[in-house]
Amino acid sequence: MNTITSHTGRTLPVLCLLLTFSATTQATCITTNSGSPENTITGCKAFSSNTSGASNTVNGYLAMQHNTTGGWNSAVGNLTMQYNTTGSRNTATGGEALLNNTTGNNNTATGFLALGNSKTGENNTATGTQSLYTNTTGYENTATGMQAMFANTTGYHNTATGVLALYSNTTGTFNTAVGFNALKNNTGPTATYTKGGTSNT
């Protein structure tokens, strides 16, 4: 049986369609935004704190829930960019991608928890499950592959291509790692490895 229930949030009127199948209840909300007519939002409690952010595309449960003034973002997936407040021009695709971003701009995160802990980092590209996961303020990094640059926190200007590439790097800079496990245990700066290999300190 389908049940249609109307809810009113703090700033946004929300219409929820609750679908019940056996013991599982799923909710899909279509949200209209009163802050700006240029936003497109679908998902329960998505974008519910927005004040003046414009030109955002949001799709997923709690996606961009805390956004206030951030604009030109695209968040697709449950909890994507949930804690973003003023960050702009970001693209997050995949559950919890860019989850903790607050003010970071110009990031692209594709994959479950890609750039998941990044808060103020900018101009990063993370493609793959948990790629650049621990990044906080690191900037201008490119990580492609599952858990590539997983442990990076403040390192910048790094390029990692391959599963687990530059996995352990935290603050190292100007590294290039290409291949499975490439520079996996690297902690130092300015290393280049293109065939896979675990360490440079």
Protein backbone atom coordinates (compact mmCIF):
# COMPACT_ATOMS: atom_id res chain seq x y z
CA MET A 1 0.00 0.00 0.00
CA ASN A 2 1.27 3.46 -0.87
CA THR A 3 0.87 6.32 1.58
CA ILE A 4 1.29 9.97 0.66
CA THR A 5 2.20 12.19 3.58
CA SER A 6 2.83 15.94 3.59
CA HIS A 7 5.60 17.36 5.78
CA THR A 8 6.82 20.91 6.29
CA GLY A 9 10.50 21.39 7.06
CA ARG A 10 12.19 24.39 8.63
CA THR A 11 12.62 26.24 5.35
CA LEU A 12 11.30 23.98 2.63
CA PRO A 13 7.93 22.40 1.98
CA VAL A 14 8.49 18.70 1.43
CA LEU A 15 6.19 16.14 -0.12
CA CYS A 16 7.09 12.54 0.79
CA LEU A 17 5.88 9.42 -0.92
CA LEU A 18 6.31 6.47 1.42
CA LEU A 19 6.40 3.05 -0.21
CA THR A 20 6.13 -0.02 1.96
CA PHE A 21 7.24 -3.42 0.70
CA SER A 22 7.08 -6.28 3.21
CA ALA A 23 9.04 -5.12 6.26
CA THR A 24 11.00 -2.48 4.37
CA THR A 25 9.92 1.14 4.16
CA GLN A 26 11.49 3.40 1.57
CA ALA A 27 10.99 7.14 1.30
CA THR A 28 11.32 9.39 -1.72
CA CYS A 29 10.86 13.11 -1.25
CA ILE A 30 10.39 15.74 -3.90
CA THR A 31 11.47 19.04 -2.44
CA THR A 32 10.71 22.52 -3.70
CA ASN A 33 13.18 25.21 -2.71
CA SER A 34 12.01 28.61 -1.53
CA GLY A 35 15.52 30.11 -1.40
CA SER A 36 16.13 30.19 -5.14
CA PRO A 37 14.17 29.04 -8.16
CA GLU A 38 17.37 27.81 -9.83
CA ASN A 39 17.88 24.74 -7.64
CA THR A 40 16.70 21.21 -8.41
CA ILE A 41 16.28 19.02 -5.34
CA THR A 42 15.00 15.47 -4.82
CA GLY A 43 15.47 13.43 -1.67
CA CYS A 44 14.14 13.48 1.87
CA LYS A 45 15.68 16.27 3.96
CA ALA A 46 17.99 17.18 1.10
CA PHE A 47 19.07 20.83 0.92
CA SER A 48 16.87 21.63 3.93
CA SER A 49 19.03 24.45 5.39
CA ASN A 50 19.56 26.45 2.22
CA THR A 51 19.14 30.22 2.44
CA SER A 52 20.43 31.74 -0.78
CA GLY A 53 22.51 29.07 -2.52
CA ALA A 54 21.57 28.91 -6.20
CA SER A 55 22.06 26.73 -9.26
CA ASN A 56 22.52 23.50 -7.31
CA THR A 57 21.42 20.04 -8.41
CA VAL A 58 20.78 17.73 -5.47
CA ASN A 59 19.52 14.16 -5.53
CA GLY A 60 19.63 11.84 -2.52
CA TYR A 61 18.63 11.40 1.10
CA LEU A 62 20.24 14.16 3.23
CA ALA A 63 22.27 15.35 0.24
CA MET A 64 23.60 18.87 0.88
CA GLN A 65 21.42 19.01 3.99
CA HIS A 66 23.39 21.84 5.64
CA ASN A 67 24.05 23.98 2.59
CA THR A 68 23.33 27.66 3.16
CA THR A 69 24.87 29.77 0.41
CA GLY A 70 26.91 27.34 -1.68
CA GLY A 71 26.10 27.46 -5.37
CA TRP A 72 26.70 25.64 -8.64
CA ASN A 73 27.13 22.28 -6.90
CA SER A 74 25.97 18.89 -8.12
CA ALA A 75 25.40 16.22 -5.46
CA VAL A 76 23.99 12.83 -6.46
CA GLY A 77 23.72 10.03 -3.90
CA ASN A 78 22.63 9.59 -0.30
CA LEU A 79 24.48 11.92 2.09
CA THR A 80 26.57 13.48 -0.67
CA MET A 81 27.98 16.81 0.50
CA GLN A 82 25.77 16.59 3.58
CA TYR A 83 27.76 19.13 5.62
CA ASN A 84 28.55 21.58 2.85
CA THR A 85 27.69 25.13 3.87
CA THR A 86 29.26 27.62 1.48
CA GLY A 87 31.38 25.43 -0.81
CA SER A 88 30.67 26.04 -4.49
CA ARG A 89 31.28 24.48 -7.90
CA ASN A 90 31.72 20.97 -6.47
CA THR A 91 30.58 17.72 -8.06
CA ALA A 92 29.89 14.71 -5.83
CA THR A 93 28.57 11.44 -7.24
CA GLY A 94 28.22 8.34 -5.06
CA GLY A 95 27.04 7.67 -1.53
CA GLU A 96 28.67 10.02 1.00
CA ALA A 97 31.02 11.53 -1.56
CA LEU A 98 32.38 14.84 -0.24
CA LEU A 99 30.33 14.09 2.89
CA ASN A 100 32.17 16.47 5.24
CA ASN A 101 33.04 19.25 2.82
CA THR A 102 32.14 22.60 4.35
CA THR A 103 33.74 25.46 2.41
CA GLY A 104 35.92 23.70 -0.16
CA ASN A 105 35.43 24.70 -3.79
CA ASN A 106 36.00 23.14 -7.21
CA ASN A 107 36.27 19.52 -6.06
CA THR A 108 35.14 16.47 -8.03
CA ALA A 109 34.43 13.28 -6.08
CA THR A 110 33.15 10.16 -7.82
CA GLY A 111 32.64 6.98 -5.82
CA PHE A 112 31.49 5.89 -2.37
CA LEU A 113 33.12 8.15 0.27
CA ALA A 114 35.43 9.74 -2.28
CA LEU A 115 36.89 12.82 -0.56
CA GLY A 116 34.59 11.78 2.29
CA ASN A 117 36.44 13.64 5.06
CA SER A 118 37.65 16.62 3.05
CA LYS A 119 36.53 19.83 4.73
CA THR A 120 38.19 22.83 3.11
CA GLY A 121 40.36 21.25 0.42
CA GLU A 122 40.01 22.70 -3.05
CA ASN A 123 40.60 21.75 -6.67
CA ASN A 124 40.85 18.02 -5.91
CA THR A 125 39.70 15.20 -8.17
CA ALA A 126 38.98 11.82 -6.58
CA THR A 127 37.64 8.91 -8.62
CA GLY A 128 37.10 5.57 -6.92
CA THR A 129 35.76 4.21 -3.65
CA GLN A 130 37.36 6.07 -0.70
CA SER A 131 39.88 7.82 -2.92
CA LEU A 132 41.38 10.80 -1.08
CA TYR A 133 39.13 9.70 1.79
CA THR A 134 41.05 11.25 4.70
CA ASN A 135 41.89 14.50 2.94
CA THR A 136 41.11 17.55 5.06
CA THR A 137 42.79 20.63 3.59
CA GLY A 138 44.95 19.13 0.84
CA TYR A 139 44.47 20.77 -2.52
CA GLU A 140 45.07 20.22 -6.22
CA ASN A 141 45.43 16.46 -5.91
CA THR A 142 44.26 13.88 -8.45
CA ALA A 143 43.53 10.36 -7.21
CA THR A 144 42.10 7.67 -9.49
CA GLY A 145 41.46 4.17 -8.19
CA MET A 146 39.99 2.53 -5.11
CA GLN A 147 41.57 4.07 -1.99
CA ALA A 148 44.12 5.97 -4.03
CA MET A 149 45.66 8.59 -1.71
CA PHE A 150 43.41 7.22 1.04
CA ALA A 151 45.39 8.66 3.98
CA ASN A 152 46.20 12.08 2.53
CA THR A 153 45.40 14.92 4.90
CA THR A 154 47.21 18.11 3.86
CA GLY A 155 49.39 16.95 0.97
CA TYR A 156 49.02 18.84 -2.27
CA HIS A 157 49.96 18.70 -5.96
CA ASN A 158 49.99 14.88 -5.98
CA THR A 159 48.84 12.53 -8.74
CA ALA A 160 47.96 8.91 -7.97
CA THR A 161 46.56 6.53 -10.57
CA GLY A 162 45.88 2.95 -9.56
CA VAL A 163 44.30 0.97 -6.74
CA LEU A 164 46.02 1.92 -3.43
CA ALA A 165 48.42 4.28 -5.20
CA LEU A 166 49.99 6.71 -2.70
CA TYR A 167 47.75 5.08 -0.09
CA SER A 168 49.80 6.09 2.99
CA ASN A 169 50.75 9.58 1.88
CA THR A 170 49.60 12.13 4.45
CA THR A 171 51.46 15.41 3.90
CA GLY A 172 53.78 14.61 1.00
CA THR A 173 53.70 16.90 -2.02
CA PHE A 174 54.49 16.80 -5.73
CA ASN A 175 54.38 12.99 -5.98
CA THR A 176 53.34 11.01 -9.04
CA ALA A 177 52.39 7.36 -8.66
CA VAL A 178 51.00 5.22 -11.48
CA GLY A 179 50.06 1.58 -11.08
CA PHE A 180 48.64 -0.85 -8.54
CA ASN A 181 50.17 -0.17 -5.10
CA ALA A 182 52.38 2.51 -6.63
CA LEU A 183 54.22 4.33 -3.83
CA LYS A 184 51.69 2.81 -1.43
CA ASN A 185 53.84 3.51 1.66
CA ASN A 186 55.23 6.83 0.51
CA THR A 187 55.40 9.61 3.10
CA GLY A 188 57.94 11.93 1.49
CA PRO A 189 57.78 14.58 -1.22
CA THR A 190 58.68 14.67 -4.88
CA ALA A 191 58.74 11.02 -5.88
CA THR A 192 57.78 9.52 -9.22
CA TYR A 193 56.95 5.86 -9.73
CA THR A 194 55.14 4.57 -12.76
CA LYS A 195 55.12 0.76 -12.54
CA GLY A 196 53.99 0.05 -9.01
CA GLY A 197 56.12 -0.15 -5.90
CA THR A 198 55.43 0.41 -2.27
CA SER A 199 57.74 2.93 -0.69
CA ASN A 200 59.65 6.15 -0.89
CA THR A 201 60.42 8.01 2.32
